[in-house]
Amino acid sequence: MASGVERPDLAALHELEQVLRHLEGELAGWRRRALSAESRVEDMEASAEAGAGGTRSRELEEENRTLFQRLELARGRVTDLLERLRFLEQQGGNGEAER
C-alpha cells in the first residue's frame, strides 16, 4: 500500500468521531437546560403549595373583576351616547325638513 493515501474507512471513522463529539456537547447542553427547568418547576410548585402563588392569583382575579366592572360601565356610557347621537341626528333631520 502507498503510504500517502488515507483509507476511506478511516476518514469516515474520523468524521463520525467529530460528529459524536459535537452531539455529546449538544446533549450535555440540553441536559443542563432540562435540569435547570426541572429545578425551576420544583421551586414554583413549592411556592404554590406554600400559598405564594395563591395570593397573586387572588390579586389578579380581583383586578379582573374591577376591570370587568369598569368595562360594563363604559359600555353603558357608550350606549347612552349612541342613543343621544341618534336622537340629535333625528332632530337635525326633522329641522331641515321644516325649513
N, C-alpha and C. Protein backbone atom coordinates (compact mmCIF):
# COMPACT_ATOMS: atom_id res chain seq x y z
N MET A 1 0.82 -1.19 0.00
CA MET A 1 0.00 0.00 0.00
C MET A 1 0.86 1.25 0.00
N ALA A 2 0.31 2.30 -0.57
CA ALA A 2 1.02 3.57 -0.62
C ALA A 2 0.90 4.26 0.73
N SER A 3 1.98 4.87 1.16
CA SER A 3 1.97 5.48 2.49
C SER A 3 1.25 6.82 2.53
N GLY A 4 1.09 7.54 1.42
CA GLY A 4 0.47 8.86 1.41
C GLY A 4 -1.04 8.81 1.23
N VAL A 5 -1.62 7.63 1.04
CA VAL A 5 -3.04 7.51 0.79
C VAL A 5 -3.75 7.10 2.08
N GLU A 6 -4.74 7.90 2.45
CA GLU A 6 -5.52 7.57 3.66
C GLU A 6 -6.67 6.67 3.26
N ARG A 7 -6.92 5.70 4.09
CA ARG A 7 -8.01 4.76 3.79
C ARG A 7 -9.35 5.46 3.96
N PRO A 8 -10.32 5.25 3.06
CA PRO A 8 -11.63 5.91 3.15
C PRO A 8 -12.38 5.55 4.41
N ASP A 9 -12.22 4.33 4.89
CA ASP A 9 -12.94 3.95 6.10
C ASP A 9 -12.39 4.68 7.32
N LEU A 10 -11.09 4.99 7.34
CA LEU A 10 -10.52 5.75 8.46
C LEU A 10 -10.99 7.21 8.42
N ALA A 11 -11.12 7.78 7.21
CA ALA A 11 -11.63 9.15 7.09
C ALA A 11 -13.07 9.22 7.59
N ALA A 12 -13.87 8.23 7.21
CA ALA A 12 -15.26 8.20 7.66
C ALA A 12 -15.33 8.02 9.17
N LEU A 13 -14.45 7.20 9.72
CA LEU A 13 -14.42 6.98 11.17
C LEU A 13 -14.04 8.27 11.89
N HIS A 14 -13.06 9.01 11.34
CA HIS A 14 -12.65 10.28 11.93
C HIS A 14 -13.82 11.29 11.91
N GLU A 15 -14.53 11.36 10.79
CA GLU A 15 -15.68 12.26 10.67
C GLU A 15 -16.77 11.87 11.66
N LEU A 16 -17.02 10.58 11.81
CA LEU A 16 -18.01 10.09 12.77
C LEU A 16 -17.64 10.46 14.19
N GLU A 17 -16.37 10.38 14.53
CA GLU A 17 -15.91 10.76 15.87
C GLU A 17 -16.17 12.24 16.13
N GLN A 18 -15.93 13.09 15.11
CA GLN A 18 -16.19 14.52 15.26
C GLN A 18 -17.68 14.79 15.47
N VAL A 19 -18.50 14.12 14.70
CA VAL A 19 -19.95 14.30 14.83
C VAL A 19 -20.40 13.86 16.21
N LEU A 20 -19.87 12.74 16.68
CA LEU A 20 -20.26 12.24 18.00
C LEU A 20 -19.82 13.19 19.11
N ARG A 21 -18.63 13.79 18.97
CA ARG A 21 -18.18 14.77 19.98
C ARG A 21 -19.12 15.98 19.99
N HIS A 22 -19.49 16.43 18.79
CA HIS A 22 -20.41 17.56 18.70
C HIS A 22 -21.76 17.20 19.34
N LEU A 23 -22.28 16.04 19.03
CA LEU A 23 -23.55 15.61 19.61
C LEU A 23 -23.46 15.45 21.12
N GLU A 24 -22.31 14.99 21.60
CA GLU A 24 -22.11 14.86 23.04
C GLU A 24 -22.21 16.22 23.72
N GLY A 25 -21.60 17.24 23.10
CA GLY A 25 -21.69 18.60 23.64
C GLY A 25 -23.12 19.12 23.62
N GLU A 26 -23.81 18.88 22.51
CA GLU A 26 -25.21 19.30 22.40
C GLU A 26 -26.07 18.62 23.45
N LEU A 27 -25.87 17.33 23.63
CA LEU A 27 -26.63 16.56 24.62
C LEU A 27 -26.37 17.09 26.03
N ALA A 28 -25.12 17.41 26.32
CA ALA A 28 -24.79 17.96 27.64
C ALA A 28 -25.50 19.29 27.86
N GLY A 29 -25.56 20.12 26.82
CA GLY A 29 -26.26 21.40 26.94
C GLY A 29 -27.74 21.21 27.18
N TRP A 30 -28.36 20.30 26.43
CA TRP A 30 -29.78 20.03 26.61
C TRP A 30 -30.05 19.45 28.00
N ARG A 31 -29.14 18.62 28.48
CA ARG A 31 -29.32 18.04 29.83
C ARG A 31 -29.27 19.14 30.89
N ARG A 32 -28.31 20.07 30.75
CA ARG A 32 -28.23 21.18 31.70
C ARG A 32 -29.52 22.00 31.68
N ARG A 33 -30.03 22.28 30.49
CA ARG A 33 -31.27 23.05 30.37
C ARG A 33 -32.45 22.32 31.00
N ALA A 34 -32.52 21.01 30.77
CA ALA A 34 -33.62 20.22 31.33
C ALA A 34 -33.55 20.20 32.85
N LEU A 35 -32.35 20.02 33.39
CA LEU A 35 -32.20 20.00 34.85
C LEU A 35 -32.55 21.36 35.44
N SER A 36 -32.15 22.43 34.76
CA SER A 36 -32.48 23.78 35.23
C SER A 36 -33.99 24.00 35.21
N ALA A 37 -34.64 23.57 34.13
CA ALA A 37 -36.10 23.74 34.03
C ALA A 37 -36.81 22.92 35.10
N GLU A 38 -36.36 21.71 35.32
CA GLU A 38 -36.97 20.88 36.37
C GLU A 38 -36.82 21.53 37.73
N SER A 39 -35.67 22.12 37.98
CA SER A 39 -35.44 22.80 39.25
C SER A 39 -36.38 23.99 39.41
N ARG A 40 -36.56 24.77 38.33
CA ARG A 40 -37.48 25.91 38.40
C ARG A 40 -38.91 25.45 38.64
N VAL A 41 -39.31 24.37 38.00
CA VAL A 41 -40.67 23.85 38.18
C VAL A 41 -40.86 23.41 39.63
N GLU A 42 -39.87 22.72 40.17
CA GLU A 42 -39.97 22.29 41.57
C GLU A 42 -40.09 23.50 42.50
N ASP A 43 -39.31 24.55 42.23
CA ASP A 43 -39.40 25.77 43.05
C ASP A 43 -40.77 26.41 42.95
N MET A 44 -41.31 26.47 41.73
CA MET A 44 -42.64 27.06 41.53
C MET A 44 -43.71 26.23 42.23
N GLU A 45 -43.61 24.92 42.14
CA GLU A 45 -44.59 24.07 42.81
C GLU A 45 -44.51 24.24 44.32
N ALA A 46 -43.30 24.35 44.85
CA ALA A 46 -43.13 24.55 46.29
C ALA A 46 -43.73 25.89 46.71
N SER A 47 -43.53 26.92 45.90
CA SER A 47 -44.09 28.24 46.20
C SER A 47 -45.61 28.20 46.17
N ALA A 48 -46.16 27.49 45.18
CA ALA A 48 -47.61 27.39 45.06
C ALA A 48 -48.20 26.66 46.26
N GLU A 49 -47.52 25.61 46.69
CA GLU A 49 -48.00 24.86 47.85
C GLU A 49 -47.93 25.70 49.11
N ALA A 50 -46.96 26.59 49.17
CA ALA A 50 -46.81 27.45 50.35
C ALA A 50 -47.82 28.59 50.34
N GLY A 51 -48.53 28.77 49.22
CA GLY A 51 -49.55 29.81 49.17
C GLY A 51 -49.12 31.08 48.49
N ALA A 52 -47.87 31.19 48.10
CA ALA A 52 -47.40 32.41 47.45
C ALA A 52 -48.10 32.61 46.12
N GLY A 53 -48.30 31.55 45.38
CA GLY A 53 -48.96 31.64 44.08
C GLY A 53 -50.43 31.96 44.23
N GLY A 54 -51.06 31.48 45.29
CA GLY A 54 -52.48 31.73 45.51
C GLY A 54 -52.76 33.19 45.76
N THR A 55 -51.87 33.87 46.46
CA THR A 55 -52.05 35.29 46.75
C THR A 55 -52.05 36.10 45.46
N ARG A 56 -51.10 35.84 44.59
CA ARG A 56 -51.01 36.56 43.32
C ARG A 56 -52.23 36.26 42.46
N SER A 57 -52.66 35.02 42.48
CA SER A 57 -53.83 34.64 41.71
C SER A 57 -55.07 35.39 42.20
N ARG A 58 -55.22 35.49 43.51
CA ARG A 58 -56.36 36.22 44.06
C ARG A 58 -56.29 37.70 43.69
N GLU A 59 -55.09 38.28 43.72
CA GLU A 59 -54.93 39.68 43.33
C GLU A 59 -55.35 39.88 41.87
N LEU A 60 -54.91 38.99 41.02
CA LEU A 60 -55.26 39.10 39.60
C LEU A 60 -56.75 38.91 39.36
N GLU A 61 -57.37 38.00 40.10
CA GLU A 61 -58.81 37.79 39.96
C GLU A 61 -59.58 39.04 40.39
N GLU A 62 -59.14 39.67 41.47
CA GLU A 62 -59.79 40.90 41.94
C GLU A 62 -59.62 42.03 40.92
N GLU A 63 -58.41 42.14 40.39
CA GLU A 63 -58.17 43.16 39.36
C GLU A 63 -59.04 42.90 38.14
N ASN A 64 -59.20 41.64 37.77
CA ASN A 64 -60.03 41.28 36.63
C ASN A 64 -61.48 41.67 36.88
N ARG A 65 -62.00 41.42 38.08
CA ARG A 65 -63.37 41.81 38.41
C ARG A 65 -63.54 43.32 38.32
N THR A 66 -62.59 44.06 38.85
CA THR A 66 -62.65 45.53 38.81
C THR A 66 -62.65 46.03 37.38
N LEU A 67 -61.76 45.47 36.56
CA LEU A 67 -61.71 45.89 35.16
C LEU A 67 -62.98 45.53 34.42
N PHE A 68 -63.56 44.40 34.74
CA PHE A 68 -64.82 44.00 34.09
C PHE A 68 -65.93 44.97 34.45
N GLN A 69 -65.99 45.38 35.72
CA GLN A 69 -67.00 46.35 36.15
C GLN A 69 -66.81 47.68 35.42
N ARG A 70 -65.58 48.13 35.30
CA ARG A 70 -65.30 49.38 34.58
C ARG A 70 -65.69 49.25 33.12
N LEU A 71 -65.45 48.10 32.53
CA LEU A 71 -65.81 47.87 31.13
C LEU A 71 -67.33 47.94 30.95
N GLU A 72 -68.06 47.34 31.87
CA GLU A 72 -69.53 47.38 31.79
C GLU A 72 -70.04 48.81 31.92
N LEU A 73 -69.46 49.59 32.82
CA LEU A 73 -69.85 50.99 32.94
C LEU A 73 -69.57 51.75 31.65
N ALA A 74 -68.41 51.51 31.08
CA ALA A 74 -68.05 52.19 29.82
C ALA A 74 -69.00 51.79 28.70
N ARG A 75 -69.38 50.53 28.64
CA ARG A 75 -70.33 50.08 27.62
C ARG A 75 -71.66 50.81 27.77
N GLY A 76 -72.11 50.94 29.01
CA GLY A 76 -73.36 51.65 29.27
C GLY A 76 -73.28 53.10 28.82
N ARG A 77 -72.16 53.76 29.10
CA ARG A 77 -71.99 55.15 28.70
C ARG A 77 -71.97 55.28 27.17
N VAL A 78 -71.29 54.37 26.51
CA VAL A 78 -71.24 54.40 25.05
C VAL A 78 -72.63 54.21 24.47
N THR A 79 -73.40 53.28 25.04
CA THR A 79 -74.77 53.07 24.58
C THR A 79 -75.59 54.34 24.75
N ASP A 80 -75.47 55.00 25.91
CA ASP A 80 -76.18 56.26 26.14
C ASP A 80 -75.79 57.32 25.12
N LEU A 81 -74.49 57.44 24.86
CA LEU A 81 -74.03 58.43 23.89
C LEU A 81 -74.55 58.13 22.49
N LEU A 82 -74.58 56.86 22.11
CA LEU A 82 -75.11 56.49 20.80
C LEU A 82 -76.59 56.83 20.68
N GLU A 83 -77.35 56.60 21.75
CA GLU A 83 -78.77 56.93 21.73
C GLU A 83 -78.96 58.44 21.61
N ARG A 84 -78.16 59.22 22.32
CA ARG A 84 -78.25 60.67 22.23
C ARG A 84 -77.90 61.15 20.82
N LEU A 85 -76.86 60.55 20.25
CA LEU A 85 -76.43 60.93 18.91
C LEU A 85 -77.53 60.62 17.89
N ARG A 86 -78.17 59.46 18.01
CA ARG A 86 -79.26 59.11 17.11
C ARG A 86 -80.41 60.12 17.24
N PHE A 87 -80.72 60.47 18.49
CA PHE A 87 -81.78 61.43 18.74
C PHE A 87 -81.46 62.78 18.08
N LEU A 88 -80.21 63.23 18.29
CA LEU A 88 -79.83 64.52 17.71
C LEU A 88 -79.83 64.47 16.19
N GLU A 89 -79.41 63.34 15.61
CA GLU A 89 -79.45 63.20 14.16
C GLU A 89 -80.89 63.25 13.66
N GLN A 90 -81.80 62.61 14.38
CA GLN A 90 -83.22 62.64 14.00
C GLN A 90 -83.76 64.07 14.11
N GLN A 91 -83.42 64.76 15.19
CA GLN A 91 -83.88 66.12 15.37
C GLN A 91 -83.32 67.03 14.29
N GLY A 92 -82.06 66.84 13.94
CA GLY A 92 -81.46 67.63 12.89
C GLY A 92 -82.11 67.35 11.56
N GLY A 93 -82.47 66.13 11.29
CA GLY A 93 -83.14 65.77 10.06
C GLY A 93 -84.53 66.37 10.00
N ASN A 94 -85.24 66.37 11.12
CA ASN A 94 -86.60 66.94 11.17
C ASN A 94 -86.57 68.45 11.00
N GLY A 95 -85.56 69.11 11.56
CA GLY A 95 -85.45 70.55 11.45
C GLY A 95 -85.20 71.00 10.05
N GLU A 96 -84.43 70.25 9.30
CA GLU A 96 -84.13 70.62 7.92
C GLU A 96 -85.39 70.46 7.05
N ALA A 97 -86.20 69.46 7.36
CA ALA A 97 -87.39 69.21 6.56
C ALA A 97 -88.41 70.33 6.74
N GLU A 98 -88.44 70.97 7.91
CA GLU A 98 -89.41 72.02 8.19
C GLU A 98 -89.06 73.33 7.53
N ARG A 99 -87.82 73.53 7.15
CA ARG A 99 -87.38 74.81 6.58
C ARG A 99 -87.90 75.02 5.22
